[in-house]
């Protein structure tokens, strides 16, 4: 859940002692209505040591949390490191296979895909449009991962895996009216300029400008 929903749960007085929140890409720890809320951060930059005590305060168990920032000063766990190295060695052969080439840097940054038109968003939407012979293709910016710039040169399977790490990302052809398509677009950009995964990367292919062309221009597409 997003943080505001975590806070609503804490205020609902359900007897919950601790909420371990997710989704939001930042670290936070707070107490609301004697319920402790921890958002653990993202990309393995943070750890949280949580202690839950038997003692109760106003009907809730006492909870304390300690924020631990992950740095290179923390030594590796040798057993975990051995497991990771074994998996990387076995996967490296397939992941290093070259599947494409780019002459232009591909913008996969979160800002590039969630706040503005991205060349990698254009590329993926164009490919979908060509494959499915669709009039319009859209993909939400939150589908793109890795938060990086892909430099010009060979594109390996590892790059594609980092770009789209989820098996749940599938392409679904649907028939929409012009009004329905407009509502989809307006919803996708409704939170702009907030850093939202709903932000849409779009390809529209029409024989003539659609009646809502002015709306698209207003959204800087």
N, C-alpha and C. Protein backbone atom coordinates (compact mmCIF):
# COMPACT_ATOMS: atom_id res chain seq x y z
N UNK A 1 0.84 -1.19 0.00
CA UNK A 1 0.00 0.00 0.00
C UNK A 1 0.88 1.24 0.00
N UNK A 2 0.30 2.35 -0.46
CA UNK A 2 0.98 3.63 -0.35
C UNK A 2 0.89 4.12 1.08
N UNK A 3 1.71 5.09 1.43
CA UNK A 3 1.85 5.50 2.82
C UNK A 3 0.55 6.05 3.40
N UNK A 4 -0.26 6.74 2.59
CA UNK A 4 -1.49 7.30 3.13
C UNK A 4 -2.48 6.19 3.50
N UNK A 5 -2.42 5.05 2.80
CA UNK A 5 -3.28 3.92 3.16
C UNK A 5 -2.76 3.22 4.42
N UNK A 6 -1.44 3.16 4.57
CA UNK A 6 -0.87 2.64 5.82
C UNK A 6 -1.36 3.47 7.01
N UNK A 7 -1.37 4.79 6.82
CA UNK A 7 -1.80 5.69 7.90
C UNK A 7 -3.29 5.52 8.20
N UNK A 8 -4.09 5.31 7.16
CA UNK A 8 -5.52 5.06 7.38
C UNK A 8 -5.74 3.78 8.18
N UNK A 9 -4.96 2.75 7.86
CA UNK A 9 -5.06 1.49 8.60
C UNK A 9 -4.69 1.69 10.06
N UNK A 10 -3.65 2.47 10.29
CA UNK A 10 -3.23 2.73 11.67
C UNK A 10 -4.30 3.49 12.45
N UNK A 11 -4.98 4.42 11.79
CA UNK A 11 -6.00 5.22 12.44
C UNK A 11 -7.30 4.46 12.64
N UNK A 12 -7.47 3.33 11.96
CA UNK A 12 -8.73 2.58 12.03
C UNK A 12 -8.91 1.86 13.35
N UNK A 13 -7.90 1.84 14.19
CA UNK A 13 -7.98 1.22 15.51
C UNK A 13 -8.39 -0.24 15.42
N UNK A 14 -7.67 -1.00 14.59
CA UNK A 14 -7.94 -2.42 14.39
C UNK A 14 -7.19 -3.31 15.37
N UNK A 15 -6.37 -2.70 16.22
CA UNK A 15 -5.56 -3.49 17.15
C UNK A 15 -4.22 -3.90 16.57
N UNK A 16 -3.90 -3.44 15.36
CA UNK A 16 -2.62 -3.77 14.72
C UNK A 16 -1.49 -3.06 15.45
N UNK A 17 -0.44 -3.81 15.78
CA UNK A 17 0.72 -3.23 16.48
C UNK A 17 1.77 -2.67 15.53
N UNK A 18 1.93 -3.32 14.38
CA UNK A 18 3.03 -2.98 13.47
C UNK A 18 2.57 -3.12 12.03
N UNK A 19 2.87 -2.13 11.21
CA UNK A 19 2.59 -2.17 9.77
C UNK A 19 3.91 -2.09 9.03
N UNK A 20 4.25 -3.13 8.30
CA UNK A 20 5.45 -3.14 7.45
C UNK A 20 4.99 -2.79 6.04
N UNK A 21 5.15 -1.54 5.69
CA UNK A 21 4.63 -1.06 4.42
C UNK A 21 5.57 -1.32 3.26
N UNK A 22 5.03 -1.24 2.07
CA UNK A 22 5.82 -1.43 0.86
C UNK A 22 5.43 -0.42 -0.20
N UNK A 23 5.84 -0.67 -1.41
CA UNK A 23 5.48 0.08 -2.62
C UNK A 23 6.18 1.43 -2.72
N UNK A 24 6.03 2.28 -1.72
CA UNK A 24 6.68 3.59 -1.81
C UNK A 24 8.19 3.45 -1.77
N UNK A 25 8.88 4.21 -2.62
CA UNK A 25 10.32 4.05 -2.80
C UNK A 25 11.10 5.00 -1.90
N UNK A 26 10.82 4.97 -0.62
CA UNK A 26 11.58 5.79 0.32
C UNK A 26 11.52 5.12 1.68
N UNK A 27 12.41 5.57 2.58
CA UNK A 27 12.42 5.02 3.93
C UNK A 27 11.65 5.93 4.86
N UNK A 28 10.87 5.31 5.75
CA UNK A 28 10.14 6.10 6.73
C UNK A 28 9.76 5.21 7.91
N UNK A 29 9.81 5.76 9.11
CA UNK A 29 9.35 5.07 10.31
C UNK A 29 8.64 6.08 11.19
N UNK A 30 7.40 5.77 11.58
CA UNK A 30 6.63 6.69 12.39
C UNK A 30 5.62 5.89 13.21
N UNK A 31 5.07 6.53 14.23
CA UNK A 31 4.03 5.93 15.05
C UNK A 31 2.77 6.77 14.97
N UNK A 32 1.66 6.14 14.60
CA UNK A 32 0.36 6.81 14.51
C UNK A 32 -0.65 5.98 15.30
N UNK A 33 -1.34 6.61 16.22
CA UNK A 33 -2.35 5.91 17.01
C UNK A 33 -1.76 4.70 17.72
N UNK A 34 -0.52 4.85 18.21
CA UNK A 34 0.22 3.78 18.89
C UNK A 34 0.49 2.58 17.99
N UNK A 35 0.38 2.76 16.69
CA UNK A 35 0.74 1.72 15.72
C UNK A 35 2.00 2.17 14.98
N UNK A 36 3.03 1.34 14.98
CA UNK A 36 4.30 1.69 14.34
C UNK A 36 4.24 1.33 12.86
N UNK A 37 4.64 2.27 12.00
CA UNK A 37 4.66 2.07 10.55
C UNK A 37 6.10 2.17 10.06
N UNK A 38 6.53 1.19 9.30
CA UNK A 38 7.88 1.19 8.72
C UNK A 38 7.78 0.99 7.22
N UNK A 39 8.34 1.93 6.47
CA UNK A 39 8.53 1.76 5.03
C UNK A 39 10.01 1.47 4.82
N UNK A 40 10.34 0.31 4.28
CA UNK A 40 11.71 -0.18 4.31
C UNK A 40 12.66 0.36 3.27
N UNK A 41 12.24 1.32 2.44
CA UNK A 41 13.15 1.83 1.42
C UNK A 41 13.10 1.00 0.15
N UNK A 42 14.14 1.11 -0.69
CA UNK A 42 14.15 0.43 -1.97
C UNK A 42 15.57 0.13 -2.41
N UNK A 43 15.69 -0.82 -3.34
CA UNK A 43 16.98 -1.15 -3.98
C UNK A 43 18.05 -1.55 -2.98
N UNK A 44 17.65 -2.16 -1.86
CA UNK A 44 18.59 -2.68 -0.85
C UNK A 44 19.52 -1.60 -0.30
N UNK A 45 19.02 -0.36 -0.24
CA UNK A 45 19.81 0.72 0.36
C UNK A 45 19.60 0.81 1.86
N UNK A 46 18.53 0.17 2.35
CA UNK A 46 18.18 0.31 3.75
C UNK A 46 17.79 -1.05 4.34
N UNK A 47 18.01 -1.18 5.64
CA UNK A 47 17.49 -2.29 6.43
C UNK A 47 16.84 -1.71 7.68
N UNK A 48 15.91 -2.44 8.27
CA UNK A 48 15.27 -1.99 9.50
C UNK A 48 15.30 -3.11 10.52
N UNK A 49 15.86 -2.83 11.67
CA UNK A 49 15.81 -3.75 12.80
C UNK A 49 14.59 -3.38 13.63
N UNK A 50 13.61 -4.29 13.69
CA UNK A 50 12.35 -4.02 14.39
C UNK A 50 12.29 -4.89 15.65
N UNK A 51 11.97 -4.26 16.77
CA UNK A 51 11.81 -4.98 18.03
C UNK A 51 10.38 -4.79 18.52
N UNK A 52 9.70 -5.91 18.77
CA UNK A 52 8.33 -5.88 19.29
C UNK A 52 8.35 -6.46 20.71
N UNK A 53 7.89 -5.67 21.66
CA UNK A 53 7.94 -6.07 23.07
C UNK A 53 6.58 -6.58 23.54
N UNK A 54 6.61 -7.39 24.59
CA UNK A 54 5.37 -7.91 25.17
C UNK A 54 4.55 -6.80 25.84
N UNK A 55 5.26 -5.81 26.38
CA UNK A 55 4.57 -4.73 27.07
C UNK A 55 3.63 -3.99 26.11
N UNK A 56 2.51 -3.52 26.67
CA UNK A 56 1.54 -2.78 25.87
C UNK A 56 1.38 -1.36 26.40
N UNK A 57 1.15 -0.44 25.46
CA UNK A 57 0.88 0.96 25.79
C UNK A 57 -0.45 1.32 25.14
N UNK A 58 -1.45 1.65 25.98
CA UNK A 58 -2.79 1.96 25.46
C UNK A 58 -3.33 0.85 24.57
N UNK A 59 -3.10 -0.38 24.98
CA UNK A 59 -3.64 -1.53 24.26
C UNK A 59 -2.80 -2.03 23.10
N UNK A 60 -1.68 -1.37 22.79
CA UNK A 60 -0.81 -1.78 21.69
C UNK A 60 0.56 -2.17 22.24
N UNK A 61 1.16 -3.21 21.62
CA UNK A 61 2.50 -3.60 22.03
C UNK A 61 3.52 -2.52 21.65
N UNK A 62 4.52 -2.37 22.49
CA UNK A 62 5.57 -1.41 22.23
C UNK A 62 6.45 -1.90 21.08
N UNK A 63 6.66 -1.06 20.10
CA UNK A 63 7.47 -1.40 18.93
C UNK A 63 8.54 -0.33 18.74
N UNK A 64 9.77 -0.76 18.54
CA UNK A 64 10.88 0.15 18.24
C UNK A 64 11.56 -0.30 16.96
N UNK A 65 12.02 0.65 16.17
CA UNK A 65 12.71 0.31 14.93
C UNK A 65 14.00 1.11 14.80
N UNK A 66 14.99 0.48 14.21
CA UNK A 66 16.29 1.12 14.00
C UNK A 66 16.61 1.08 12.50
N UNK A 67 16.89 2.26 11.94
CA UNK A 67 17.21 2.39 10.52
C UNK A 67 18.69 2.09 10.30
N UNK A 68 18.97 1.13 9.42
CA UNK A 68 20.35 0.76 9.10
C UNK A 68 20.58 1.04 7.62
N UNK A 69 21.47 1.97 7.33
CA UNK A 69 21.80 2.30 5.94
C UNK A 69 22.83 1.30 5.42
N UNK A 70 22.56 0.71 4.27
CA UNK A 70 23.46 -0.28 3.68
C UNK A 70 24.58 0.44 2.93
N UNK A 71 25.82 0.19 3.34
CA UNK A 71 26.99 0.79 2.69
C UNK A 71 28.03 -0.30 2.43
N UNK A 72 29.07 0.08 1.70
CA UNK A 72 30.15 -0.87 1.40
C UNK A 72 30.96 -1.22 2.64
N UNK A 73 30.77 -0.49 3.72
CA UNK A 73 31.49 -0.80 4.96
C UNK A 73 30.96 -2.05 5.65
N UNK A 74 29.75 -2.47 5.29
CA UNK A 74 29.16 -3.66 5.90
C UNK A 74 29.73 -4.89 5.20
N UNK A 75 30.37 -5.79 5.90
CA UNK A 75 30.98 -6.97 5.25
C UNK A 75 29.93 -7.93 4.70
N UNK A 76 30.28 -8.60 3.64
CA UNK A 76 29.40 -9.61 3.06
C UNK A 76 29.26 -10.81 4.00
N UNK A 77 28.09 -11.40 3.95
CA UNK A 77 27.91 -12.68 4.61
C UNK A 77 28.46 -13.75 3.68
N UNK A 78 29.48 -14.50 4.08
CA UNK A 78 30.13 -15.43 3.15
C UNK A 78 29.20 -16.51 2.61
N UNK A 79 28.27 -16.99 3.41
CA UNK A 79 27.35 -18.04 2.93
C UNK A 79 26.41 -17.48 1.86
N UNK A 80 25.85 -16.29 2.11
CA UNK A 80 24.97 -15.68 1.12
C UNK A 80 25.75 -15.30 -0.14
N UNK A 81 26.96 -14.78 0.04
CA UNK A 81 27.79 -14.40 -1.12
C UNK A 81 28.07 -15.60 -2.01
N UNK A 82 28.31 -16.76 -1.40
CA UNK A 82 28.58 -17.97 -2.18
C UNK A 82 27.35 -18.38 -2.99
N UNK A 83 26.17 -18.27 -2.39
CA UNK A 83 24.94 -18.59 -3.11
C UNK A 83 24.72 -17.65 -4.29
N UNK A 84 24.92 -16.35 -4.05
CA UNK A 84 24.75 -15.35 -5.10
C UNK A 84 25.73 -15.58 -6.24
N UNK A 85 26.99 -15.84 -5.92
CA UNK A 85 28.01 -16.07 -6.95
C UNK A 85 27.69 -17.30 -7.78
N UNK A 86 27.18 -18.35 -7.15
CA UNK A 86 26.81 -19.55 -7.88
C UNK A 86 25.68 -19.28 -8.86
N UNK A 87 24.66 -18.55 -8.41
CA UNK A 87 23.53 -18.22 -9.30
C UNK A 87 23.99 -17.34 -10.45
N UNK A 88 24.83 -16.33 -10.16
CA UNK A 88 25.31 -15.43 -11.21
C UNK A 88 26.13 -16.18 -12.24
N UNK A 89 26.95 -17.11 -11.80
CA UNK A 89 27.78 -17.88 -12.73
C UNK A 89 26.92 -18.71 -13.67
N UNK A 90 25.88 -19.35 -13.11
CA UNK A 90 25.02 -20.19 -13.94
C UNK A 90 24.13 -19.38 -14.88
N UNK A 91 23.79 -18.17 -14.47
CA UNK A 91 22.92 -17.34 -15.30
C UNK A 91 23.68 -16.52 -16.34
N UNK A 92 24.96 -16.26 -16.07
CA UNK A 92 25.72 -15.33 -16.89
C UNK A 92 25.77 -15.73 -18.36
N UNK A 93 25.87 -17.01 -18.65
CA UNK A 93 25.99 -17.48 -20.04
C UNK A 93 24.79 -17.05 -20.86
N UNK A 94 23.59 -17.23 -20.32
CA UNK A 94 22.39 -16.84 -21.06
C UNK A 94 22.18 -15.33 -21.05
N UNK A 95 22.41 -14.71 -19.91
CA UNK A 95 22.13 -13.28 -19.80
C UNK A 95 23.08 -12.42 -20.62
N UNK A 96 24.27 -12.92 -20.91
CA UNK A 96 25.24 -12.14 -21.68
C UNK A 96 24.98 -12.21 -23.19
N UNK A 97 24.02 -13.03 -23.59
CA UNK A 97 23.73 -13.19 -25.03
C UNK A 97 23.20 -11.88 -25.61
N UNK A 98 23.79 -11.42 -26.71
CA UNK A 98 23.39 -10.17 -27.35
C UNK A 98 22.14 -10.41 -28.19
N UNK A 99 21.11 -9.57 -27.96
CA UNK A 99 19.84 -9.73 -28.69
C UNK A 99 19.49 -8.49 -29.50
N UNK A 100 20.31 -7.44 -29.43
CA UNK A 100 20.03 -6.23 -30.19
C UNK A 100 21.17 -5.26 -30.11
N UNK A 101 20.95 -4.07 -30.69
CA UNK A 101 21.99 -3.06 -30.71
C UNK A 101 21.31 -1.68 -30.76
N UNK A 102 21.88 -0.74 -30.05
CA UNK A 102 21.36 0.63 -30.08
C UNK A 102 22.48 1.60 -30.40
N UNK A 103 22.18 2.57 -31.24
CA UNK A 103 23.14 3.64 -31.55
C UNK A 103 22.86 4.87 -30.71
N UNK A 104 21.79 4.84 -29.93
CA UNK A 104 21.36 5.98 -29.13
C UNK A 104 21.21 5.57 -27.67
N UNK A 105 21.64 6.38 -26.73
CA UNK A 105 21.40 6.06 -25.31
C UNK A 105 19.90 5.90 -25.04
N UNK A 106 19.51 4.85 -24.33
CA UNK A 106 18.11 4.59 -24.01
C UNK A 106 17.85 5.03 -22.58
N UNK A 107 16.87 5.91 -22.41
CA UNK A 107 16.59 6.50 -21.11
C UNK A 107 15.61 5.62 -20.34
N UNK A 108 16.14 4.87 -19.37
CA UNK A 108 15.32 4.02 -18.51
C UNK A 108 15.23 4.57 -17.10
N UNK A 109 15.64 5.82 -16.91
CA UNK A 109 15.57 6.39 -15.58
C UNK A 109 14.11 6.55 -15.15
N UNK A 110 13.88 6.54 -13.86
CA UNK A 110 12.52 6.70 -13.36
C UNK A 110 11.94 8.04 -13.78
N UNK A 111 12.77 9.08 -13.76
CA UNK A 111 12.30 10.39 -14.20
C UNK A 111 11.96 10.38 -15.67
N UNK A 112 12.79 9.72 -16.46
CA UNK A 112 12.58 9.69 -17.90
C UNK A 112 11.35 8.93 -18.33
N UNK A 113 10.98 7.89 -17.60
CA UNK A 113 9.84 7.06 -17.99
C UNK A 113 8.56 7.40 -17.25
N UNK A 114 8.65 8.17 -16.15
CA UNK A 114 7.46 8.46 -15.34
C UNK A 114 7.07 9.93 -15.33
N UNK A 115 7.86 10.78 -16.02
CA UNK A 115 7.53 12.20 -16.02
C UNK A 115 7.62 12.83 -17.40
N UNK A 116 8.04 12.08 -18.40
CA UNK A 116 8.19 12.67 -19.72
C UNK A 116 8.22 11.58 -20.78
N UNK A 117 8.11 11.99 -22.02
CA UNK A 117 8.22 11.03 -23.11
C UNK A 117 9.63 10.48 -23.15
N UNK A 118 9.76 9.17 -23.28
CA UNK A 118 11.05 8.51 -23.25
C UNK A 118 11.29 7.80 -24.57
N UNK A 119 12.55 7.84 -25.04
CA UNK A 119 12.83 7.15 -26.31
C UNK A 119 12.65 5.63 -26.19
N UNK A 120 12.90 5.07 -25.00
CA UNK A 120 12.68 3.63 -24.84
C UNK A 120 11.18 3.34 -24.78
N UNK A 121 10.40 4.29 -24.24
CA UNK A 121 8.95 4.13 -24.27
C UNK A 121 8.42 4.19 -25.69
N UNK A 122 8.96 5.13 -26.50
CA UNK A 122 8.58 5.21 -27.91
C UNK A 122 8.92 3.92 -28.63
N UNK A 123 10.11 3.37 -28.36
CA UNK A 123 10.55 2.16 -29.04
C UNK A 123 9.62 1.00 -28.73
N UNK A 124 9.31 0.78 -27.45
CA UNK A 124 8.47 -0.35 -27.06
C UNK A 124 7.06 -0.20 -27.62
N UNK A 125 6.51 1.02 -27.54
CA UNK A 125 5.17 1.25 -28.06
C UNK A 125 5.12 1.07 -29.59
N UNK A 126 6.16 1.52 -30.27
CA UNK A 126 6.23 1.32 -31.73
C UNK A 126 6.28 -0.16 -32.09
N UNK A 127 7.06 -0.93 -31.32
CA UNK A 127 7.14 -2.37 -31.57
C UNK A 127 5.80 -3.06 -31.34
N UNK A 128 5.12 -2.69 -30.27
CA UNK A 128 3.80 -3.27 -30.00
C UNK A 128 2.82 -2.90 -31.10
N UNK A 129 2.88 -1.65 -31.54
CA UNK A 129 1.97 -1.18 -32.58
C UNK A 129 2.19 -1.94 -33.88
N UNK A 130 3.46 -2.18 -34.22
CA UNK A 130 3.77 -2.90 -35.44
C UNK A 130 3.36 -4.37 -35.34
N UNK A 131 3.61 -4.99 -34.20
CA UNK A 131 3.32 -6.41 -34.03
C UNK A 131 1.82 -6.68 -34.03
N UNK A 132 1.05 -5.80 -33.39
CA UNK A 132 -0.40 -6.05 -33.23
C UNK A 132 -1.24 -5.23 -34.21
N UNK A 133 -0.57 -4.42 -35.06
CA UNK A 133 -1.27 -3.61 -36.05
C UNK A 133 -2.37 -2.78 -35.38
N UNK A 134 -2.02 -2.17 -34.27
CA UNK A 134 -2.98 -1.41 -33.47
C UNK A 134 -2.96 0.06 -33.87
N UNK A 135 -4.06 0.74 -33.57
CA UNK A 135 -4.12 2.18 -33.81
C UNK A 135 -3.45 2.96 -32.68
N UNK A 136 -3.42 2.36 -31.51
CA UNK A 136 -2.80 3.03 -30.36
C UNK A 136 -2.21 1.97 -29.44
N UNK A 137 -1.05 2.26 -28.89
CA UNK A 137 -0.44 1.37 -27.89
C UNK A 137 0.03 2.23 -26.73
N UNK A 138 -0.16 1.71 -25.52
CA UNK A 138 0.24 2.43 -24.32
C UNK A 138 0.90 1.47 -23.35
N UNK A 139 1.85 1.98 -22.60
CA UNK A 139 2.49 1.22 -21.52
C UNK A 139 2.78 2.19 -20.39
N UNK A 140 2.48 1.78 -19.17
CA UNK A 140 2.72 2.71 -18.06
C UNK A 140 4.20 2.78 -17.73
N UNK A 141 4.65 3.96 -17.35
CA UNK A 141 6.06 4.17 -17.07
C UNK A 141 6.58 3.30 -15.96
N UNK A 142 5.70 2.88 -15.03
CA UNK A 142 6.14 2.02 -13.94
C UNK A 142 6.52 0.63 -14.37
N UNK A 143 6.20 0.26 -15.61
CA UNK A 143 6.60 -1.07 -16.11
C UNK A 143 8.09 -1.13 -16.40
N UNK A 144 8.70 0.04 -16.68
CA UNK A 144 10.13 0.08 -17.00
C UNK A 144 10.93 0.11 -15.70
N UNK A 145 11.94 -0.72 -15.63
CA UNK A 145 12.77 -0.78 -14.44
C UNK A 145 14.23 -0.51 -14.79
N UNK A 146 15.11 -0.73 -13.85
CA UNK A 146 16.57 -0.59 -13.88
C UNK A 146 17.03 0.83 -13.55
N UNK A 147 16.17 1.85 -13.80
CA UNK A 147 16.50 3.23 -13.43
C UNK A 147 17.91 3.59 -13.88
N UNK A 148 18.17 3.46 -15.18
CA UNK A 148 19.52 3.68 -15.70
C UNK A 148 19.45 4.18 -17.14
N UNK A 149 20.62 4.52 -17.65
CA UNK A 149 20.77 4.86 -19.06
C UNK A 149 21.53 3.72 -19.74
N UNK A 150 20.93 3.14 -20.78
CA UNK A 150 21.60 2.08 -21.54
C UNK A 150 22.47 2.76 -22.60
N UNK A 151 23.78 2.56 -22.50
CA UNK A 151 24.72 3.23 -23.41
C UNK A 151 24.63 2.64 -24.81
N UNK A 152 24.99 3.42 -25.84
CA UNK A 152 25.02 2.88 -27.20
C UNK A 152 25.91 1.65 -27.29
N UNK A 153 25.46 0.68 -28.07
CA UNK A 153 26.21 -0.55 -28.22
C UNK A 153 25.30 -1.76 -28.16
N UNK A 154 25.87 -2.94 -27.95
CA UNK A 154 25.07 -4.17 -27.91
C UNK A 154 24.09 -4.17 -26.73
N UNK A 155 22.93 -4.76 -26.94
CA UNK A 155 21.94 -4.94 -25.88
C UNK A 155 21.86 -6.42 -25.56
N UNK A 156 22.18 -6.76 -24.34
CA UNK A 156 22.18 -8.16 -23.92
C UNK A 156 20.83 -8.53 -23.33
N UNK A 157 20.64 -9.82 -23.16
CA UNK A 157 19.43 -10.31 -22.50
C UNK A 157 19.35 -9.82 -21.06
N UNK A 158 20.51 -9.60 -20.44
CA UNK A 158 20.53 -9.08 -19.08
C UNK A 158 19.91 -7.69 -19.02
N UNK A 159 20.18 -6.85 -20.02
CA UNK A 159 19.61 -5.50 -20.07
C UNK A 159 18.09 -5.58 -20.19
N UNK A 160 17.60 -6.48 -21.06
CA UNK A 160 16.15 -6.63 -21.22
C UNK A 160 15.50 -7.16 -19.94
N UNK A 161 16.20 -8.06 -19.25
CA UNK A 161 15.67 -8.60 -18.00
C UNK A 161 15.58 -7.52 -16.93
N UNK A 162 16.58 -6.64 -16.88
CA UNK A 162 16.54 -5.53 -15.94
C UNK A 162 15.45 -4.53 -16.32
N UNK A 163 15.23 -4.36 -17.64
CA UNK A 163 14.22 -3.43 -18.12
C UNK A 163 12.81 -3.92 -17.78
N UNK A 164 12.55 -5.22 -18.00
CA UNK A 164 11.24 -5.81 -17.72
C UNK A 164 11.44 -7.08 -16.88
N UNK A 165 11.58 -6.95 -15.56
CA UNK A 165 11.88 -8.10 -14.73
C UNK A 165 10.66 -8.95 -14.34
N UNK A 166 9.43 -8.46 -14.68
CA UNK A 166 8.24 -9.13 -14.17
C UNK A 166 7.57 -9.99 -15.23
N UNK A 167 7.28 -11.23 -14.88
CA UNK A 167 6.54 -12.11 -15.79
C UNK A 167 5.10 -11.66 -15.97
N UNK A 168 4.62 -10.82 -15.05
CA UNK A 168 3.23 -10.38 -15.11
C UNK A 168 2.99 -9.29 -16.15
N UNK A 169 4.06 -8.75 -16.74
CA UNK A 169 3.91 -7.74 -17.78
C UNK A 169 3.51 -8.42 -19.09
N UNK A 170 2.25 -8.29 -19.47
CA UNK A 170 1.76 -8.91 -20.70
C UNK A 170 1.08 -7.86 -21.56
N UNK A 171 0.97 -8.14 -22.85
CA UNK A 171 0.31 -7.23 -23.79
C UNK A 171 -1.12 -7.71 -24.00
N UNK A 172 -2.09 -6.83 -23.82
CA UNK A 172 -3.50 -7.18 -23.93
C UNK A 172 -4.15 -6.29 -24.99
N UNK A 173 -4.52 -6.84 -26.16
CA UNK A 173 -5.24 -6.05 -27.17
C UNK A 173 -6.70 -5.87 -26.75
N UNK A 174 -7.20 -4.65 -26.78
CA UNK A 174 -8.60 -4.37 -26.45
C UNK A 174 -9.16 -3.38 -27.46
N UNK A 175 -10.48 -3.38 -27.62
CA UNK A 175 -11.17 -2.43 -28.48
C UNK A 175 -11.76 -1.32 -27.62
N UNK A 176 -11.40 -0.08 -27.91
CA UNK A 176 -11.87 1.06 -27.16
C UNK A 176 -12.49 2.09 -28.09
N UNK A 177 -13.48 2.81 -27.57
CA UNK A 177 -13.99 3.97 -28.30
C UNK A 177 -13.02 5.12 -28.12
N UNK A 178 -13.17 6.15 -28.95
CA UNK A 178 -12.31 7.32 -28.80
C UNK A 178 -12.44 7.96 -27.43
N UNK A 179 -13.66 8.00 -26.89
CA UNK A 179 -13.88 8.59 -25.57
C UNK A 179 -13.20 7.77 -24.49
N UNK A 180 -13.27 6.44 -24.60
CA UNK A 180 -12.62 5.58 -23.62
C UNK A 180 -11.11 5.74 -23.66
N UNK A 181 -10.56 5.86 -24.86
CA UNK A 181 -9.11 6.06 -24.99
C UNK A 181 -8.71 7.39 -24.37
N UNK A 182 -9.53 8.41 -24.60
CA UNK A 182 -9.25 9.72 -24.01
C UNK A 182 -9.24 9.63 -22.49
N UNK A 183 -10.20 8.90 -21.92
CA UNK A 183 -10.27 8.76 -20.46
C UNK A 183 -9.06 8.01 -19.92
N UNK A 184 -8.59 7.00 -20.65
CA UNK A 184 -7.38 6.27 -20.25
C UNK A 184 -6.18 7.22 -20.21
N UNK A 185 -6.05 8.03 -21.26
CA UNK A 185 -4.93 8.96 -21.33
C UNK A 185 -4.99 10.01 -20.22
N UNK A 186 -6.18 10.55 -20.01
CA UNK A 186 -6.33 11.57 -18.98
C UNK A 186 -6.03 11.00 -17.59
N UNK A 187 -6.43 9.74 -17.35
CA UNK A 187 -6.13 9.11 -16.06
C UNK A 187 -4.62 8.91 -15.91
N UNK A 188 -3.97 8.46 -16.97
CA UNK A 188 -2.53 8.20 -16.90
C UNK A 188 -1.73 9.44 -16.58
N UNK A 189 -2.22 10.62 -17.00
CA UNK A 189 -1.48 11.86 -16.78
C UNK A 189 -2.09 12.70 -15.66
N UNK A 190 -3.08 12.16 -14.96
CA UNK A 190 -3.83 12.95 -13.98
C UNK A 190 -2.97 13.39 -12.79
N UNK A 191 -1.91 12.64 -12.49
CA UNK A 191 -1.07 12.99 -11.33
C UNK A 191 0.16 13.80 -11.73
N UNK A 192 0.35 14.07 -13.02
CA UNK A 192 1.52 14.83 -13.47
C UNK A 192 1.54 16.20 -12.79
N UNK A 193 2.71 16.68 -12.32
CA UNK A 193 4.07 16.16 -12.53
C UNK A 193 4.57 15.24 -11.41
N UNK A 194 3.69 14.68 -10.64
CA UNK A 194 4.12 13.75 -9.59
C UNK A 194 4.84 12.55 -10.21
N UNK A 195 5.74 11.97 -9.45
CA UNK A 195 6.55 10.84 -9.91
C UNK A 195 5.73 9.56 -9.77
N UNK A 196 4.84 9.29 -10.75
CA UNK A 196 3.89 8.20 -10.66
C UNK A 196 4.12 7.14 -11.73
N UNK A 197 3.96 5.87 -11.34
CA UNK A 197 4.09 4.78 -12.30
C UNK A 197 2.97 4.73 -13.30
N UNK A 198 1.87 5.45 -13.06
CA UNK A 198 0.74 5.46 -14.00
C UNK A 198 1.03 6.27 -15.25
N UNK A 199 2.07 7.12 -15.20
CA UNK A 199 2.41 7.96 -16.35
C UNK A 199 2.58 7.08 -17.59
N UNK A 200 1.97 7.47 -18.70
CA UNK A 200 1.90 6.61 -19.88
C UNK A 200 2.92 6.99 -20.94
N UNK A 201 3.53 5.95 -21.52
CA UNK A 201 4.27 6.07 -22.77
C UNK A 201 3.32 5.63 -23.87
N UNK A 202 3.24 6.40 -24.96
CA UNK A 202 2.13 6.24 -25.91
C UNK A 202 2.62 6.24 -27.36
N UNK A 203 1.96 5.43 -28.19
CA UNK A 203 2.09 5.56 -29.65
C UNK A 203 0.67 5.61 -30.20
N UNK A 204 0.36 6.68 -30.95
CA UNK A 204 -0.95 6.82 -31.58
C UNK A 204 -0.75 6.86 -33.09
N UNK A 205 -1.52 6.03 -33.79
CA UNK A 205 -1.41 5.97 -35.25
C UNK A 205 -2.80 6.16 -35.83
N UNK A 206 -3.04 7.35 -36.41
CA UNK A 206 -4.34 7.66 -36.98
C UNK A 206 -4.15 8.20 -38.40
N UNK A 207 -5.12 7.94 -39.29
CA UNK A 207 -5.02 8.50 -40.64
C UNK A 207 -5.13 10.01 -40.66
N UNK A 208 -5.75 10.59 -39.63
CA UNK A 208 -5.84 12.04 -39.50
C UNK A 208 -5.84 12.38 -38.02
N UNK A 209 -5.52 13.63 -37.65
CA UNK A 209 -5.47 13.98 -36.23
C UNK A 209 -6.77 13.66 -35.51
N UNK A 210 -6.71 13.01 -34.35
CA UNK A 210 -7.92 12.68 -33.60
C UNK A 210 -8.53 13.94 -33.01
N UNK A 211 -9.82 13.90 -32.64
CA UNK A 211 -10.49 15.09 -32.11
C UNK A 211 -9.92 15.59 -30.80
N UNK A 212 -9.16 14.72 -30.05
CA UNK A 212 -8.61 15.16 -28.77
C UNK A 212 -7.13 15.48 -28.88
N UNK A 213 -6.68 15.82 -30.07
CA UNK A 213 -5.26 16.12 -30.28
C UNK A 213 -4.77 17.22 -29.33
N UNK A 214 -5.63 18.23 -29.08
CA UNK A 214 -5.21 19.33 -28.22
C UNK A 214 -4.89 18.85 -26.80
N UNK A 215 -5.61 17.82 -26.33
CA UNK A 215 -5.36 17.31 -25.00
C UNK A 215 -3.98 16.69 -24.91
N UNK A 216 -3.59 15.96 -25.96
CA UNK A 216 -2.29 15.32 -25.97
C UNK A 216 -1.18 16.36 -26.00
N UNK A 217 -1.36 17.40 -26.80
CA UNK A 217 -0.35 18.45 -26.85
C UNK A 217 -0.21 19.13 -25.50
N UNK A 218 -1.34 19.28 -24.81
CA UNK A 218 -1.29 19.93 -23.51
C UNK A 218 -0.52 19.11 -22.49
N UNK A 219 -0.41 17.82 -22.78
CA UNK A 219 0.30 16.94 -21.86
C UNK A 219 1.76 16.76 -22.28
N UNK A 220 2.19 17.54 -23.27
CA UNK A 220 3.60 17.56 -23.70
C UNK A 220 4.04 16.23 -24.29
N UNK A 221 3.16 15.55 -24.99
CA UNK A 221 3.57 14.33 -25.67
C UNK A 221 3.99 14.64 -27.09
